Amino acid sequence: MPSELSDIRDFHAHVYYEPGVSEAAAAALRERVAADFPRAILGRWHHQPIGPHTRAMYQIAFPVELFATLAPWLMLNRAGLDILLHPETGDDPRDHTVHAAWLGEKLPLRMEAFAPKHGD
């Protein structure tokens, strides 16, 4: 069954960095996003891998209306950082893989993080 654009609630960009190595570049990118895209929501810094993510990262959540400007801006200004860009449709495994786009290196993900927890 085909997906519909109306299935996309918003977008996430996961900005990956190496603590102490590329963290300053990630911080500078974050500051520019905050200044240039005030409707974007900047998530917490995760200095350790979390969930399906295998590197340190922070998330940028943004509404569908910003995709046409924020996504190309990230393409041009990612400062060598790897970024996972994906829609939020409610299907986390597919959103992070089938529906995802990578800026930079495609990093491995821990898909078992999406497995139902015991008792669910």
Protein backbone atom coordinates (compact mmCIF):
# COMPACT_ATOMS: atom_id res chain seq x y z
CA MET A 1 0.00 0.00 0.00
CA PRO A 2 1.52 3.38 -0.98
CA SER A 3 2.22 5.96 1.68
CA GLU A 4 0.70 9.43 1.50
CA LEU A 5 2.50 12.71 2.10
CA SER A 6 -0.18 13.47 4.67
CA ASP A 7 1.28 10.58 6.74
CA ILE A 8 4.30 12.79 7.56
CA ARG A 9 3.72 14.57 10.86
CA ASP A 10 7.14 16.25 10.96
CA PHE A 11 10.81 15.54 10.26
CA HIS A 12 13.84 14.68 12.36
CA ALA A 13 17.48 15.28 11.60
CA HIS A 14 19.94 13.38 13.80
CA VAL A 15 23.30 15.15 13.86
CA TYR A 16 26.11 12.75 14.75
CA TYR A 17 29.44 13.78 16.24
CA GLU A 18 32.44 12.36 18.05
CA PRO A 19 32.72 13.76 21.61
CA GLY A 20 35.87 15.84 21.93
CA VAL A 21 36.61 15.53 18.19
CA SER A 22 33.75 16.99 16.15
CA GLU A 23 31.65 18.24 19.07
CA ALA A 24 32.59 21.90 18.44
CA ALA A 25 31.43 21.62 14.82
CA ALA A 26 28.16 20.05 16.03
CA ALA A 27 27.71 22.87 18.55
CA ALA A 28 28.32 25.54 15.90
CA LEU A 29 25.83 23.87 13.55
CA ARG A 30 23.29 23.71 16.37
CA GLU A 31 23.70 27.43 17.12
CA ARG A 32 23.20 28.33 13.45
CA VAL A 33 20.08 26.15 13.20
CA ALA A 34 18.67 27.82 16.34
CA ALA A 35 19.35 31.28 14.90
CA ASP A 36 18.21 30.63 11.33
CA PHE A 37 15.30 28.23 11.98
CA PRO A 38 13.57 29.26 15.22
CA ARG A 39 10.66 26.85 14.57
CA ALA A 40 13.05 23.89 14.74
CA ILE A 41 13.15 22.10 18.08
CA LEU A 42 16.64 21.17 19.23
CA GLY A 43 16.80 17.98 21.27
CA ARG A 44 19.19 17.15 24.06
CA TRP A 45 22.82 16.23 23.51
CA HIS A 46 23.36 12.48 23.78
CA HIS A 47 27.10 11.98 24.35
CA GLN A 48 26.58 8.20 24.32
CA PRO A 49 24.71 6.14 21.74
CA ILE A 50 21.01 5.95 22.52
CA GLY A 51 18.11 4.00 21.01
CA PRO A 52 18.89 2.96 17.45
CA HIS A 53 21.75 5.46 17.16
CA THR A 54 25.29 4.07 17.28
CA ARG A 55 27.07 7.40 17.82
CA ALA A 56 26.68 10.47 19.96
CA MET A 57 24.07 12.83 18.52
CA TYR A 58 21.37 15.39 19.01
CA GLN A 59 18.08 15.64 17.18
CA ILE A 60 16.52 18.52 15.30
CA ALA A 61 12.73 18.17 14.97
CA PHE A 62 11.03 20.43 12.47
CA PRO A 63 7.62 20.87 10.83
CA VAL A 64 6.92 19.71 7.29
CA GLU A 65 6.78 23.33 6.13
CA LEU A 66 10.50 23.80 6.94
CA PHE A 67 11.71 20.80 4.93
CA ALA A 68 12.20 22.75 1.68
CA THR A 69 14.59 25.17 3.37
CA LEU A 70 16.12 23.32 6.32
CA ALA A 71 17.04 20.09 4.49
CA PRO A 72 19.03 21.84 1.72
CA TRP A 73 20.56 24.17 4.31
CA LEU A 74 21.83 21.12 6.21
CA MET A 75 23.20 19.67 2.96
CA LEU A 76 25.28 22.80 2.41
CA ASN A 77 26.24 23.53 6.03
CA ARG A 78 26.74 20.18 7.76
CA ALA A 79 30.46 20.88 8.33
CA GLY A 80 31.44 17.31 7.53
CA LEU A 81 29.06 15.86 10.12
CA ASP A 82 26.92 12.84 9.30
CA ILE A 83 23.17 13.46 9.49
CA LEU A 84 20.21 11.08 9.32
CA LEU A 85 17.15 12.86 7.95
CA HIS A 86 13.79 11.12 8.18
CA PRO A 87 10.05 11.74 8.34
CA GLU A 88 7.91 10.94 11.35
CA THR A 89 4.99 8.81 10.15
CA GLY A 90 4.51 6.69 13.26
CA ASP A 91 6.46 3.74 11.81
CA ASP A 92 9.86 4.20 13.49
CA PRO A 93 11.69 1.27 11.85
CA ARG A 94 10.65 2.32 8.32
CA ASP A 95 11.14 6.03 9.03
CA HIS A 96 14.75 5.40 10.11
CA THR A 97 15.55 3.10 7.16
CA VAL A 98 13.28 2.87 4.12
CA HIS A 99 12.10 6.49 4.35
CA ALA A 100 15.46 7.94 5.47
CA ALA A 101 18.05 10.05 3.68
CA TRP A 102 21.67 10.36 4.79
CA LEU A 103 23.88 13.40 4.53
CA GLY A 104 27.47 12.18 4.71
CA GLU A 105 28.25 8.61 5.74
CA LYS A 106 25.40 6.14 6.23
CA LEU A 107 25.91 4.85 9.76
CA PRO A 108 24.69 1.55 11.14
CA LEU A 109 21.59 1.61 13.31
CA ARG A 110 20.58 -0.77 16.11
CA MET A 111 17.21 -1.84 14.78
CA GLU A 112 16.58 -4.04 17.82
CA ALA A 113 15.92 -0.77 19.68
CA PHE A 114 12.56 -0.71 17.89
CA ALA A 115 11.58 -4.22 18.98
CA PRO A 116 8.56 -4.35 21.30
CA LYS A 117 9.51 -4.52 24.95
CA HIS A 118 8.51 -7.58 26.96
CA GLY A 119 4.90 -7.18 28.05
CA ASP A 120 3.94 -4.80 25.22
